[in-house]
N, C-alpha and C. Protein backbone atom coordinates (compact mmCIF):
# COMPACT_ATOMS: atom_id res chain seq x y z
N MET A 1 -8.40 11.46 -31.97
CA MET A 1 -7.72 12.28 -32.98
C MET A 1 -6.91 12.88 -32.19
N PHE A 2 -5.58 13.03 -32.62
CA PHE A 2 -4.55 14.01 -31.92
C PHE A 2 -4.40 15.16 -32.60
N LYS A 3 -4.19 16.39 -32.33
CA LYS A 3 -3.62 17.53 -33.20
C LYS A 3 -2.48 18.11 -32.24
N HIS A 4 -1.34 18.42 -33.09
CA HIS A 4 -0.12 19.16 -32.69
C HIS A 4 -0.35 20.69 -32.85
N GLU A 5 -0.16 21.13 -31.71
CA GLU A 5 0.08 22.72 -31.50
C GLU A 5 1.35 23.14 -31.60
N LYS A 6 1.92 24.01 -32.39
CA LYS A 6 3.20 24.33 -32.52
C LYS A 6 3.82 24.88 -31.42
N ALA A 7 2.94 25.56 -30.48
CA ALA A 7 3.61 26.22 -29.33
C ALA A 7 3.73 25.09 -28.01
N LEU A 8 4.57 25.25 -27.56
CA LEU A 8 5.06 24.37 -26.35
C LEU A 8 4.12 24.25 -25.43
N LEU A 9 3.97 23.45 -24.28
CA LEU A 9 2.95 23.56 -23.27
C LEU A 9 3.51 24.39 -22.70
N ASN A 10 4.75 24.59 -22.13
CA ASN A 10 5.45 25.77 -21.43
C ASN A 10 6.68 26.05 -21.95
N ASP A 11 7.09 27.27 -21.90
CA ASP A 11 8.12 27.78 -22.88
C ASP A 11 9.36 26.99 -22.29
N VAL A 12 10.53 26.84 -22.77
CA VAL A 12 11.46 26.06 -22.54
C VAL A 12 12.86 26.86 -23.03
N LYS A 13 13.98 27.03 -22.55
CA LYS A 13 15.23 27.65 -22.96
C LYS A 13 16.19 27.24 -21.77
N ILE A 14 17.41 27.53 -22.01
CA ILE A 14 18.46 27.30 -21.20
C ILE A 14 19.74 28.46 -20.92
N GLU A 15 20.25 28.65 -19.80
CA GLU A 15 21.18 29.70 -19.85
C GLU A 15 22.63 29.51 -20.77
N LYS A 16 22.94 28.31 -20.97
CA LYS A 16 23.96 27.97 -21.86
C LYS A 16 23.67 26.09 -22.15
N PRO A 17 24.99 25.57 -23.16
CA PRO A 17 24.71 24.13 -23.46
C PRO A 17 25.29 23.53 -22.30
N ASN A 18 24.83 22.45 -22.13
CA ASN A 18 25.17 21.36 -20.99
C ASN A 18 25.12 19.89 -21.27
N PRO A 19 25.91 19.37 -22.43
CA PRO A 19 25.39 18.01 -23.01
C PRO A 19 25.71 16.94 -21.95
N GLN A 20 26.23 17.04 -20.72
CA GLN A 20 26.29 16.09 -19.94
C GLN A 20 25.02 15.85 -19.28
N PHE A 21 24.45 16.97 -18.71
CA PHE A 21 23.23 17.22 -18.32
C PHE A 21 22.04 16.75 -19.21
N ALA A 22 22.10 17.13 -20.45
CA ALA A 22 21.26 16.74 -21.56
C ALA A 22 21.10 15.08 -21.62
N VAL A 23 22.52 14.51 -21.18
CA VAL A 23 22.41 12.79 -21.06
C VAL A 23 21.34 12.32 -19.77
N LEU A 24 21.43 13.23 -18.78
CA LEU A 24 20.62 12.96 -17.65
C LEU A 24 19.15 13.21 -17.98
N MET A 25 18.96 14.20 -18.96
CA MET A 25 17.46 14.52 -19.03
C MET A 25 17.06 13.28 -20.14
N GLN A 26 17.57 12.52 -20.85
CA GLN A 26 17.27 11.46 -21.73
C GLN A 26 16.53 10.58 -20.79
N GLU A 27 16.38 10.22 -19.41
CA GLU A 27 15.80 9.33 -18.52
C GLU A 27 14.46 9.69 -18.56
N GLN A 28 14.10 11.20 -18.63
CA GLN A 28 12.74 11.62 -18.93
C GLN A 28 12.07 11.43 -20.07
N LEU A 29 12.98 11.26 -21.24
CA LEU A 29 12.81 10.90 -22.77
C LEU A 29 12.14 9.67 -22.62
N GLY A 30 12.99 8.74 -22.63
CA GLY A 30 13.17 7.34 -23.12
C GLY A 30 13.19 6.16 -21.92
N GLY A 31 13.39 6.88 -20.37
CA GLY A 31 13.39 5.76 -19.49
C GLY A 31 12.31 5.20 -18.99
N GLY A 32 12.31 4.18 -18.05
CA GLY A 32 11.14 3.32 -17.43
C GLY A 32 10.30 4.27 -16.75
N ASN A 33 10.54 5.49 -16.53
CA ASN A 33 9.82 6.35 -15.46
C ASN A 33 9.32 7.65 -16.18
N GLY A 34 9.97 7.74 -17.82
CA GLY A 34 9.83 8.82 -18.60
C GLY A 34 8.38 9.15 -19.11
N GLU A 35 8.46 10.29 -19.89
CA GLU A 35 7.37 10.99 -20.28
C GLU A 35 6.55 9.90 -21.41
N LEU A 36 7.62 9.20 -22.36
CA LEU A 36 7.20 8.47 -23.18
C LEU A 36 6.26 7.30 -22.75
N LYS A 37 6.91 6.62 -21.55
CA LYS A 37 6.12 5.75 -21.18
C LYS A 37 4.81 5.89 -20.18
N ALA A 38 4.91 7.18 -19.68
CA ALA A 38 3.39 7.62 -18.94
C ALA A 38 2.59 8.03 -20.27
N ALA A 39 2.71 8.55 -21.41
CA ALA A 39 1.61 8.68 -22.53
C ALA A 39 1.32 7.47 -23.03
N MET A 40 2.38 6.36 -23.33
CA MET A 40 1.79 5.10 -23.87
C MET A 40 0.87 4.19 -22.85
N GLN A 41 1.31 4.31 -21.58
CA GLN A 41 0.64 3.51 -20.80
C GLN A 41 -0.95 4.03 -20.45
N TYR A 42 -1.10 5.25 -20.42
CA TYR A 42 -2.39 5.95 -20.11
C TYR A 42 -3.29 5.94 -21.29
N ILE A 43 -2.58 6.37 -22.43
CA ILE A 43 -3.31 5.96 -23.80
C ILE A 43 -4.04 4.59 -23.94
N SER A 44 -2.90 3.78 -23.70
CA SER A 44 -3.10 2.35 -24.17
C SER A 44 -4.34 1.62 -23.06
N GLN A 45 -4.26 2.22 -21.95
CA GLN A 45 -5.40 1.74 -20.87
C GLN A 45 -6.50 2.54 -21.34
N SER A 46 -6.79 3.39 -21.97
CA SER A 46 -8.01 4.09 -21.99
C SER A 46 -8.64 3.24 -23.04
N PHE A 47 -8.02 2.50 -24.00
CA PHE A 47 -8.90 1.75 -25.12
C PHE A 47 -10.24 0.90 -24.86
N ARG A 48 -10.04 0.48 -23.35
CA ARG A 48 -11.19 -0.58 -23.00
C ARG A 48 -12.01 0.20 -21.72
N VAL A 49 -11.64 1.34 -21.27
CA VAL A 49 -12.56 1.85 -20.09
C VAL A 49 -13.93 2.46 -20.67
N LYS A 50 -14.72 1.64 -19.91
CA LYS A 50 -16.05 2.00 -20.05
C LYS A 50 -16.76 3.57 -19.87
N ASP A 51 -16.16 3.84 -18.30
CA ASP A 51 -16.46 4.96 -17.85
C ASP A 51 -15.99 6.24 -18.43
N PRO A 52 -16.72 7.20 -19.11
CA PRO A 52 -16.34 7.95 -20.07
C PRO A 52 -15.52 8.92 -19.47
N ALA A 53 -15.69 9.57 -17.84
CA ALA A 53 -15.09 10.71 -17.51
C ALA A 53 -13.49 10.21 -17.26
N ILE A 54 -13.39 8.55 -17.00
CA ILE A 54 -12.02 8.06 -17.05
C ILE A 54 -11.62 7.93 -17.71
N LYS A 55 -12.01 7.53 -18.95
CA LYS A 55 -11.90 7.51 -20.67
C LYS A 55 -11.05 8.73 -20.81
N ASP A 56 -11.70 9.83 -20.69
CA ASP A 56 -11.15 11.04 -21.19
C ASP A 56 -9.99 11.59 -20.20
N LEU A 57 -9.73 11.18 -18.94
CA LEU A 57 -9.04 11.58 -18.04
C LEU A 57 -7.72 10.88 -18.76
N PHE A 58 -7.86 9.45 -18.92
CA PHE A 58 -6.52 8.89 -19.29
C PHE A 58 -5.97 9.37 -20.54
N LEU A 59 -6.80 9.89 -21.32
CA LEU A 59 -6.62 10.09 -22.71
C LEU A 59 -6.27 11.70 -22.96
N ASP A 60 -6.53 12.54 -21.84
CA ASP A 60 -5.95 13.65 -21.85
C ASP A 60 -4.54 14.04 -21.11
N ILE A 61 -4.61 13.05 -20.03
CA ILE A 61 -3.37 13.04 -19.46
C ILE A 61 -2.41 12.38 -20.21
N GLY A 62 -2.33 11.39 -21.05
CA GLY A 62 -1.81 10.58 -22.06
C GLY A 62 -1.38 11.97 -22.85
N ALA A 63 -2.39 12.71 -23.55
CA ALA A 63 -1.78 13.49 -24.57
C ALA A 63 -0.87 14.57 -24.17
N GLU A 64 -1.21 15.33 -22.57
CA GLU A 64 -0.38 15.96 -21.76
C GLU A 64 1.03 15.69 -22.13
N GLU A 65 1.20 14.30 -21.56
CA GLU A 65 2.54 13.56 -21.09
C GLU A 65 3.39 13.86 -22.70
N LEU A 66 2.59 13.51 -23.75
CA LEU A 66 3.15 13.66 -25.07
C LEU A 66 3.74 14.98 -25.05
N SER A 67 3.49 16.08 -24.73
CA SER A 67 3.77 17.57 -24.64
C SER A 67 4.80 17.68 -23.53
N HIS A 68 4.49 17.20 -22.50
CA HIS A 68 6.02 16.82 -21.74
C HIS A 68 7.12 16.41 -22.58
N MET A 69 7.10 15.35 -23.17
CA MET A 69 7.54 14.53 -24.05
C MET A 69 8.32 15.48 -24.65
N GLU A 70 7.80 16.29 -25.81
CA GLU A 70 8.28 17.30 -26.41
C GLU A 70 9.28 18.53 -26.05
N MET A 71 8.86 18.97 -24.49
CA MET A 71 9.30 19.57 -23.78
C MET A 71 11.02 19.02 -23.27
N VAL A 72 10.63 18.09 -22.80
CA VAL A 72 12.11 17.35 -22.72
C VAL A 72 12.86 17.31 -23.52
N ALA A 73 12.43 16.71 -24.98
CA ALA A 73 13.03 16.64 -26.10
C ALA A 73 13.83 17.91 -26.54
N THR A 74 12.90 19.22 -26.14
CA THR A 74 13.45 20.68 -26.74
C THR A 74 14.63 20.82 -25.71
N THR A 75 14.48 20.36 -24.23
CA THR A 75 15.34 21.26 -23.36
C THR A 75 16.90 20.32 -23.78
N ILE A 76 16.97 18.97 -24.26
CA ILE A 76 17.85 17.89 -24.55
C ILE A 76 18.42 18.96 -25.79
N ASN A 77 17.66 18.99 -26.59
CA ASN A 77 18.37 19.58 -27.91
C ASN A 77 18.96 20.95 -27.44
N LEU A 78 18.48 21.90 -26.68
CA LEU A 78 19.21 23.00 -26.56
C LEU A 78 20.74 22.95 -25.60
N LEU A 79 20.34 21.76 -24.74
CA LEU A 79 21.72 21.46 -24.00
C LEU A 79 22.83 20.93 -24.37
N ASN A 80 22.49 20.15 -25.68
CA ASN A 80 23.49 19.35 -26.54
C ASN A 80 24.02 20.53 -27.38
N GLY A 81 23.55 21.65 -27.62
CA GLY A 81 24.30 22.50 -28.39
C GLY A 81 24.35 22.35 -29.73
N HIS A 82 25.30 22.75 -30.48
CA HIS A 82 25.42 22.55 -31.90
C HIS A 82 26.41 21.68 -32.41
N ASP A 83 27.42 21.27 -31.67
CA ASP A 83 28.30 20.49 -32.23
C ASP A 83 28.49 19.04 -31.28
N VAL A 84 28.79 17.81 -32.59
CA VAL A 84 28.91 16.57 -31.75
C VAL A 84 30.23 16.50 -31.37
N ASP A 85 30.31 16.18 -30.08
CA ASP A 85 31.89 16.25 -29.46
C ASP A 85 31.67 15.01 -28.14
N TYR A 86 31.91 13.77 -28.61
CA TYR A 86 31.79 13.21 -27.38
C TYR A 86 32.63 13.25 -26.17
N ASN A 87 33.59 14.21 -26.06
CA ASN A 87 34.30 14.21 -25.04
C ASN A 87 33.55 15.13 -24.02
N ALA A 88 32.69 15.47 -24.49
CA ALA A 88 31.80 16.90 -23.87
C ALA A 88 31.08 15.63 -22.87
N VAL A 89 30.61 14.58 -23.08
CA VAL A 89 29.92 13.71 -22.40
C VAL A 89 30.47 12.83 -21.45
N GLY A 90 30.80 12.87 -20.09
CA GLY A 90 31.95 12.26 -19.55
C GLY A 90 31.72 10.94 -18.97
N ALA A 91 30.10 10.93 -18.82
CA ALA A 91 29.64 9.30 -18.58
C ALA A 91 28.25 9.08 -19.29
N GLY A 92 27.84 8.28 -19.27
CA GLY A 92 26.38 7.95 -19.59
C GLY A 92 26.46 7.81 -21.23
N GLU A 93 24.98 8.13 -21.78
CA GLU A 93 24.91 7.55 -22.96
C GLU A 93 25.85 8.76 -23.76
N ILE A 94 26.46 8.27 -25.08
CA ILE A 94 27.07 9.11 -26.22
C ILE A 94 26.47 8.80 -27.45
N GLN A 95 25.28 8.09 -27.45
CA GLN A 95 24.87 7.88 -29.02
C GLN A 95 24.65 9.09 -29.63
N ALA A 96 24.06 10.14 -29.04
CA ALA A 96 23.54 11.45 -29.69
C ALA A 96 24.79 11.85 -30.41
N HIS A 97 25.85 11.97 -29.93
CA HIS A 97 27.29 12.34 -30.59
C HIS A 97 27.92 11.80 -31.51
N VAL A 98 27.38 10.09 -31.83
CA VAL A 98 28.18 9.11 -32.52
C VAL A 98 27.44 8.71 -33.65
N ILE A 99 25.94 8.73 -33.21
CA ILE A 99 24.86 8.22 -33.73
C ILE A 99 23.87 8.89 -34.50
N ASN A 100 23.35 9.72 -33.23
CA ASN A 100 22.07 10.41 -33.71
C ASN A 100 22.30 11.80 -34.23
N GLY A 101 23.11 12.02 -34.19
CA GLY A 101 23.59 13.67 -34.88
C GLY A 101 23.07 14.61 -33.63
N LEU A 102 22.85 14.20 -32.39
CA LEU A 102 22.61 15.16 -31.36
C LEU A 102 20.86 15.09 -31.49
N ASN A 103 19.91 14.19 -32.23
CA ASN A 103 18.77 14.20 -31.86
C ASN A 103 18.42 13.23 -30.90
N PRO A 104 17.57 14.20 -29.95
CA PRO A 104 17.20 13.14 -28.70
C PRO A 104 16.43 11.74 -29.26
N GLY A 105 17.17 10.74 -28.78
CA GLY A 105 16.80 9.36 -29.06
C GLY A 105 15.62 9.07 -27.87
N LEU A 106 15.05 7.76 -28.60
CA LEU A 106 14.29 7.22 -27.37
C LEU A 106 15.01 6.05 -26.49
N ILE A 107 16.00 6.71 -25.72
CA ILE A 107 16.95 6.05 -25.16
C ILE A 107 16.88 6.61 -23.72
N ASN A 108 17.43 5.82 -22.34
CA ASN A 108 17.43 6.46 -21.21
C ASN A 108 18.84 7.25 -20.98
N SER A 109 19.22 7.30 -19.93
CA SER A 109 20.59 8.11 -19.67
C SER A 109 21.69 7.24 -19.93
N SER A 110 21.48 5.80 -19.98
CA SER A 110 22.72 4.96 -20.17
C SER A 110 22.52 4.36 -21.26
N GLY A 111 21.77 4.91 -22.38
CA GLY A 111 21.57 4.60 -23.81
C GLY A 111 20.95 3.22 -24.50
N TYR A 112 20.34 2.88 -23.10
CA TYR A 112 19.17 1.68 -23.49
C TYR A 112 18.11 2.23 -24.40
N SER A 113 17.43 1.27 -24.87
CA SER A 113 16.38 1.75 -26.11
C SER A 113 14.97 1.64 -25.09
N TRP A 114 14.13 2.75 -25.48
CA TRP A 114 12.67 2.44 -24.78
C TRP A 114 11.96 1.28 -25.09
N THR A 115 11.39 0.57 -24.46
CA THR A 115 10.61 -0.96 -24.74
C THR A 115 9.33 -0.38 -24.00
N ALA A 116 8.14 -1.07 -24.84
CA ALA A 116 6.86 -1.25 -24.32
C ALA A 116 6.77 -1.93 -22.84
N ASP A 117 7.86 -2.72 -22.78
CA ASP A 117 7.54 -3.43 -21.15
C ASP A 117 7.79 -2.52 -20.51
N TYR A 118 7.95 -1.32 -20.32
CA TYR A 118 7.69 -0.25 -19.69
C TYR A 118 6.41 0.02 -19.00
N VAL A 119 5.46 -0.29 -20.06
CA VAL A 119 4.09 -0.02 -20.09
C VAL A 119 3.22 -0.83 -19.20
N THR A 120 2.29 -0.77 -18.33
CA THR A 120 1.37 -1.33 -17.51
C THR A 120 0.00 -1.22 -17.90
N VAL A 121 -0.70 -2.04 -18.44
CA VAL A 121 -2.16 -2.24 -18.69
C VAL A 121 -2.64 -3.53 -18.32
N THR A 122 -3.94 -3.63 -17.50
CA THR A 122 -4.51 -4.79 -17.14
C THR A 122 -5.71 -4.83 -17.48
N GLY A 123 -6.51 -3.72 -17.81
CA GLY A 123 -7.85 -3.74 -18.13
C GLY A 123 -8.43 -3.75 -16.89
N ASP A 124 -7.97 -3.66 -15.72
CA ASP A 124 -9.04 -3.48 -14.34
C ASP A 124 -8.43 -2.13 -13.93
N LEU A 125 -9.77 -1.31 -13.96
CA LEU A 125 -9.16 0.00 -13.36
C LEU A 125 -8.71 0.08 -12.33
N CYS A 126 -9.06 -0.32 -10.97
CA CYS A 126 -8.48 -0.41 -9.88
C CYS A 126 -6.66 -0.52 -10.19
N ALA A 127 -6.45 -1.75 -10.61
CA ALA A 127 -5.11 -1.81 -10.82
C ALA A 127 -4.38 -1.06 -11.75
N ASP A 128 -5.07 -0.59 -12.77
CA ASP A 128 -4.35 0.64 -13.48
C ASP A 128 -4.24 1.69 -13.12
N LEU A 129 -5.15 2.30 -12.23
CA LEU A 129 -4.99 3.43 -11.59
C LEU A 129 -3.77 3.70 -10.36
N LEU A 130 -3.95 2.22 -9.86
CA LEU A 130 -2.68 2.27 -8.92
C LEU A 130 -1.61 2.38 -9.62
N SER A 131 -1.52 1.91 -10.66
CA SER A 131 -0.12 1.65 -11.32
C SER A 131 0.36 3.31 -11.94
N ASN A 132 -0.52 4.03 -12.70
CA ASN A 132 -0.57 5.17 -12.68
C ASN A 132 -0.28 6.33 -11.55
N ILE A 133 -0.85 5.91 -10.23
CA ILE A 133 -0.24 6.73 -9.15
C ILE A 133 1.13 6.64 -9.25
N ALA A 134 1.40 5.30 -9.11
CA ALA A 134 2.78 5.06 -8.76
C ALA A 134 3.90 5.57 -9.72
N SER A 135 3.22 5.39 -10.97
CA SER A 135 4.42 6.05 -12.16
C SER A 135 4.34 7.49 -11.95
N GLU A 136 3.48 8.36 -11.64
CA GLU A 136 3.44 9.52 -11.33
C GLU A 136 4.37 10.01 -10.38
N GLN A 137 4.00 9.05 -9.31
CA GLN A 137 5.40 9.41 -8.16
C GLN A 137 6.61 8.90 -8.23
N ARG A 138 6.74 7.82 -9.13
CA ARG A 138 8.49 7.70 -9.50
C ARG A 138 8.84 8.66 -10.12
N ALA A 139 8.17 9.30 -11.28
CA ALA A 139 8.38 10.48 -12.56
C ALA A 139 8.68 11.53 -11.49
N LYS A 140 8.02 11.89 -10.75
CA LYS A 140 8.56 13.18 -9.47
C LYS A 140 9.74 13.01 -9.07
N VAL A 141 10.04 11.25 -8.32
CA VAL A 141 11.40 11.29 -7.61
C VAL A 141 12.48 11.46 -9.00
N VAL A 142 12.25 11.13 -10.01
CA VAL A 142 13.31 11.49 -10.86
C VAL A 142 13.50 12.95 -11.35
N TYR A 143 12.27 13.74 -11.17
CA TYR A 143 12.50 14.95 -11.32
C TYR A 143 13.33 15.93 -10.78
N GLN A 144 12.80 15.09 -9.27
CA GLN A 144 13.59 15.74 -7.96
C GLN A 144 15.07 15.77 -8.34
N TYR A 145 15.49 14.54 -8.50
CA TYR A 145 16.77 14.31 -8.58
C TYR A 145 17.53 15.15 -9.61
N LEU A 146 16.76 14.97 -10.69
CA LEU A 146 17.44 16.12 -11.59
C LEU A 146 17.53 17.60 -11.19
N TYR A 147 16.49 17.81 -10.82
CA TYR A 147 16.38 19.27 -10.37
C TYR A 147 17.93 19.58 -9.34
N ARG A 148 18.01 18.67 -8.36
CA ARG A 148 18.97 18.80 -7.55
C ARG A 148 20.60 18.96 -8.06
N GLN A 149 20.69 18.13 -9.41
CA GLN A 149 21.95 18.41 -9.89
C GLN A 149 22.11 19.23 -10.97
N VAL A 150 21.23 20.38 -11.51
CA VAL A 150 21.50 21.46 -12.33
C VAL A 150 21.40 22.71 -11.65
N THR A 151 22.17 23.59 -11.84
CA THR A 151 22.28 24.93 -11.52
C THR A 151 21.57 25.97 -12.56
N ASP A 152 21.30 25.60 -13.89
CA ASP A 152 20.92 26.34 -14.78
C ASP A 152 19.51 26.78 -14.51
N ARG A 153 18.92 28.08 -14.23
CA ARG A 153 17.68 28.39 -13.67
C ARG A 153 16.66 28.21 -14.77
N TYR A 154 16.85 28.31 -16.03
CA TYR A 154 15.88 27.99 -17.10
C TYR A 154 15.45 26.50 -17.03
N VAL A 155 16.35 26.01 -16.95
CA VAL A 155 16.14 24.09 -16.80
C VAL A 155 15.40 23.73 -15.38
N ARG A 156 15.93 24.55 -14.55
CA ARG A 156 15.52 24.22 -13.21
C ARG A 156 13.91 24.85 -13.38
N GLU A 157 13.44 26.01 -13.84
CA GLU A 157 11.99 26.22 -13.81
C GLU A 157 11.23 25.12 -14.93
N THR A 158 11.91 24.80 -15.98
CA THR A 158 11.14 23.40 -16.82
C THR A 158 10.70 22.36 -15.80
N ILE A 159 11.84 21.79 -15.03
CA ILE A 159 11.63 20.75 -14.29
C ILE A 159 10.54 20.86 -13.26
N ASP A 160 10.75 22.40 -12.58
CA ASP A 160 9.90 22.51 -11.80
C ASP A 160 8.30 22.41 -12.03
N PHE A 161 8.10 22.80 -13.39
CA PHE A 161 6.71 23.03 -13.92
C PHE A 161 6.33 21.58 -14.27
N LEU A 162 7.19 20.71 -14.70
CA LEU A 162 6.82 19.46 -14.88
C LEU A 162 6.54 18.72 -13.60
N LEU A 163 7.55 18.81 -12.43
CA LEU A 163 7.22 18.24 -11.42
C LEU A 163 5.96 18.63 -11.12
N ASN A 164 5.35 19.47 -10.97
CA ASN A 164 3.97 20.32 -10.54
C ASN A 164 2.98 19.65 -11.45
N ARG A 165 3.05 19.59 -12.59
CA ARG A 165 2.21 18.65 -13.45
C ARG A 165 2.20 17.25 -12.98
N GLU A 166 3.20 16.65 -12.66
CA GLU A 166 2.78 15.39 -12.60
C GLU A 166 2.40 15.27 -11.12
N GLU A 167 2.51 15.99 -10.14
CA GLU A 167 1.44 16.14 -9.01
C GLU A 167 0.27 16.66 -8.94
N ALA A 168 -0.37 17.36 -10.12
CA ALA A 168 -1.77 17.30 -10.76
C ALA A 168 -2.14 16.13 -10.87
N HIS A 169 -1.48 15.22 -12.12
CA HIS A 169 -2.00 14.44 -12.35
C HIS A 169 -1.84 13.20 -11.45
N ASN A 170 -1.26 12.88 -10.42
CA ASN A 170 -1.07 12.18 -9.43
C ASN A 170 -2.48 12.31 -8.61
N ALA A 171 -2.91 13.74 -8.40
CA ALA A 171 -4.10 13.85 -7.62
C ALA A 171 -5.39 13.67 -8.59
N LEU A 172 -5.25 13.61 -9.70
CA LEU A 172 -6.47 13.35 -10.53
C LEU A 172 -6.71 11.74 -10.65
N PHE A 173 -5.42 11.05 -10.65
CA PHE A 173 -5.58 9.57 -10.45
C PHE A 173 -5.94 9.11 -9.17
N ARG A 174 -5.67 9.78 -8.18
CA ARG A 174 -6.02 9.49 -6.73
C ARG A 174 -7.56 9.50 -6.71
N GLU A 175 -7.93 11.01 -7.19
CA GLU A 175 -9.51 10.90 -7.08
C GLU A 175 -10.40 9.93 -8.04
N ALA A 176 -9.96 9.96 -8.85
CA ALA A 176 -10.49 8.44 -9.89
C ALA A 176 -10.75 7.27 -9.37
N PHE A 177 -9.36 6.81 -8.47
CA PHE A 177 -9.45 5.56 -7.83
C PHE A 177 -10.42 5.65 -6.76
N ASN A 178 -10.55 6.59 -5.73
CA ASN A 178 -11.53 6.93 -4.98
C ASN A 178 -12.92 6.55 -5.48
N LYS A 179 -13.22 6.75 -6.76
CA LYS A 179 -14.60 6.92 -7.36
C LYS A 179 -14.90 5.05 -7.56
N VAL A 180 -13.75 4.36 -7.98
CA VAL A 180 -13.73 3.33 -8.44
C VAL A 180 -13.35 1.96 -7.38
N GLN A 181 -12.83 2.38 -6.34
CA GLN A 181 -12.10 1.60 -5.45
C GLN A 181 -12.82 0.24 -4.73
N ASN A 182 -14.10 0.25 -4.86
CA ASN A 182 -14.89 -0.90 -4.62
C ASN A 182 -15.36 -1.74 -5.85
N THR A 183 -14.73 -1.71 -7.10
CA THR A 183 -15.09 -2.33 -8.18
C THR A 183 -13.67 -3.21 -8.92
N GLY A 184 -14.16 -3.81 -9.67
CA GLY A 184 -13.23 -4.85 -10.38
C GLY A 184 -12.36 -5.47 -9.47
N SER A 185 -11.31 -5.55 -9.75
CA SER A 185 -10.68 -6.60 -8.76
C SER A 185 -10.55 -6.32 -7.14
N ASN A 186 -11.22 -5.06 -7.06
CA ASN A 186 -11.52 -5.11 -5.37
C ASN A 186 -12.75 -5.23 -4.82
N LYS A 187 -13.66 -5.95 -5.84
CA LYS A 187 -15.01 -5.97 -5.68
C LYS A 187 -15.21 -7.38 -4.72
N ASP A 188 -14.50 -8.31 -5.14
CA ASP A 188 -14.92 -9.66 -4.43
C ASP A 188 -14.00 -10.06 -3.34
N PHE A 189 -12.77 -9.32 -3.42
CA PHE A 189 -12.06 -9.52 -2.38
C PHE A 189 -11.65 -8.92 -1.40
N GLY A 190 -11.01 -9.26 -0.31
CA GLY A 190 -10.65 -8.42 0.83
C GLY A 190 -11.85 -8.14 1.90
N VAL A 191 -12.61 -9.17 1.53
CA VAL A 191 -13.82 -9.24 2.47
C VAL A 191 -13.89 -10.00 3.72
N THR A 192 -13.32 -10.86 3.73
CA THR A 192 -12.91 -12.14 4.63
C THR A 192 -11.96 -11.43 5.76
N GLU A 193 -12.38 -12.86 6.96
CA GLU A 193 -11.22 -12.34 7.95
C GLU A 193 -10.03 -12.36 7.76
N ASP A 194 -9.88 -13.39 6.63
CA ASP A 194 -8.18 -13.81 6.16
C ASP A 194 -7.58 -12.19 5.68
N SER A 195 -8.44 -11.68 4.99
CA SER A 195 -8.00 -10.45 4.28
C SER A 195 -7.41 -9.12 5.45
N LYS A 196 -7.97 -9.56 6.71
CA LYS A 196 -7.51 -8.59 7.87
C LYS A 196 -6.49 -8.56 8.84
N LEU A 197 -6.20 -10.12 8.37
CA LEU A 197 -5.08 -10.61 9.70
C LEU A 197 -3.96 -9.90 9.27
N TYR A 198 -3.16 -9.84 10.50
CA TYR A 198 -1.79 -9.42 10.16
C TYR A 198 -0.91 -10.35 10.92
N PHE A 199 0.48 -10.98 10.45
CA PHE A 199 1.39 -11.87 10.87
C PHE A 199 2.45 -11.07 11.22
N ASN A 200 2.69 -11.33 12.52
CA ASN A 200 3.90 -10.53 13.25
C ASN A 200 5.03 -11.45 13.00
N LEU A 201 5.55 -11.43 12.08
CA LEU A 201 7.02 -12.32 11.55
C LEU A 201 8.10 -11.44 11.91
N SER A 202 8.31 -10.65 12.87
CA SER A 202 9.35 -9.92 13.05
C SER A 202 9.71 -10.17 14.91
N ASN A 203 9.51 -11.06 15.12
CA ASN A 203 9.65 -11.32 16.61
C ASN A 203 10.83 -11.97 16.97
N PRO A 204 12.16 -11.54 17.82
CA PRO A 204 11.68 -10.36 18.81
C PRO A 204 11.98 -9.74 18.06
N SER A 205 10.98 -8.23 18.37
CA SER A 205 11.25 -7.09 17.65
C SER A 205 12.36 -6.29 18.26
N PRO A 206 13.25 -5.48 17.82
CA PRO A 206 14.34 -4.57 18.42
C PRO A 206 13.79 -4.08 19.78
N ASP A 207 12.52 -3.57 19.86
CA ASP A 207 12.07 -3.12 21.05
C ASP A 207 12.39 -3.51 22.14
N ASN A 208 11.95 -5.26 22.11
CA ASN A 208 12.18 -6.14 23.03
C ASN A 208 13.62 -6.52 23.70
N GLN A 209 14.68 -6.02 22.72
CA GLN A 209 16.09 -6.35 23.17
C GLN A 209 16.31 -5.35 24.44
N PHE A 210 15.52 -4.18 24.91
CA PHE A 210 15.69 -3.49 25.54
C PHE A 210 14.64 -3.23 26.82
N GLY A 211 13.85 -4.50 26.63
CA GLY A 211 12.73 -4.90 27.67
C GLY A 211 11.48 -4.07 27.50
N LYS A 212 11.24 -3.75 26.34
CA LYS A 212 10.26 -2.96 25.84
C LYS A 212 9.14 -3.67 25.03
N PRO A 213 7.61 -3.27 25.29
CA PRO A 213 6.96 -4.22 25.00
C PRO A 213 6.75 -4.27 23.59
N GLU A 214 6.37 -5.40 23.20
CA GLU A 214 5.84 -5.68 21.26
C GLU A 214 5.37 -4.54 20.66
N ALA A 215 5.81 -4.25 19.69
CA ALA A 215 4.87 -3.37 18.82
C ALA A 215 3.76 -3.98 18.55
N THR A 216 2.35 -2.68 18.74
CA THR A 216 1.25 -3.10 18.43
C THR A 216 1.19 -2.98 17.08
N PRO A 217 0.56 -4.44 16.32
CA PRO A 217 0.31 -4.53 15.18
C PRO A 217 -0.78 -3.75 14.69
N PRO A 218 -0.53 -3.11 13.33
CA PRO A 218 -1.38 -2.16 12.48
C PRO A 218 -2.89 -2.46 12.86
N SER A 219 -3.76 -1.61 12.95
CA SER A 219 -4.95 -1.77 12.96
C SER A 219 -5.81 -1.80 11.76
N PHE A 220 -6.66 -2.53 11.20
CA PHE A 220 -7.36 -2.36 9.94
C PHE A 220 -8.85 -2.44 10.42
N SER A 221 -9.71 -1.29 9.86
CA SER A 221 -10.93 -0.97 10.05
C SER A 221 -11.71 -1.56 8.78
C-alpha cells in the first residue's frame, strides 16, 4: 500500500523562472538515471525478495524515490513559469511548450519518452544490489552536473538535498550487499583458480618504453 502525503519530502522553491534549466531537470524526472527509473527498479525488484529486511529496504527507498520525483516535477513546474514560450528554450526538448502545457512529462532532457527498458531486475539479490549501487552513483553524477550549471540558490539547495539522499541510499545498498555477497550468483562461482587469474594483455606497458619494469599485476586475496 502506498499513501500520498501532501507535504513534499523537502521544501522546493526557486529565485526566478528558468525554462532552459527546467529542460535539464527533465533528465532526473524521465531520464535513464532519473527518479522514476529508480523508483520502478527498486519496487519491481522487491516483489521476489524473501529477506524481509531487504524487501522493506527496496520498498522504502523506492517509495522515497517517488517523493524525489515529486520534488523534481515541482521544481520543473516552478522553473517553467506560467507562459508557454518555445523561444525560452534555446536547446533541448520543447514539448512542455507545444504539447504538455508546461506539465512536466515523463521524458528526458532531449524529449525522449521514459521506458521500462531503463529498469534492471534479475531476481538475484547480488546482481540487483550491485545494479542499485551503480544506479545511485549515476544519479549522483547527473545531479552534480546539474548543480554546476545553475546559480539559483534555492534550486541548488534542492539538488544538494537530493544528492545527499542518493548517497544515503548508496550506503544502504552497499550495506545490504555486504550481507548477501556470498549468496545467489556469488555462491558457486569465483571459487576456482581460474577466477583469480590476471591476464596481463597490455605488454609492453608504457613504463617499459622508458626502461622501467613491468607493472605488478593486481593482487587477489
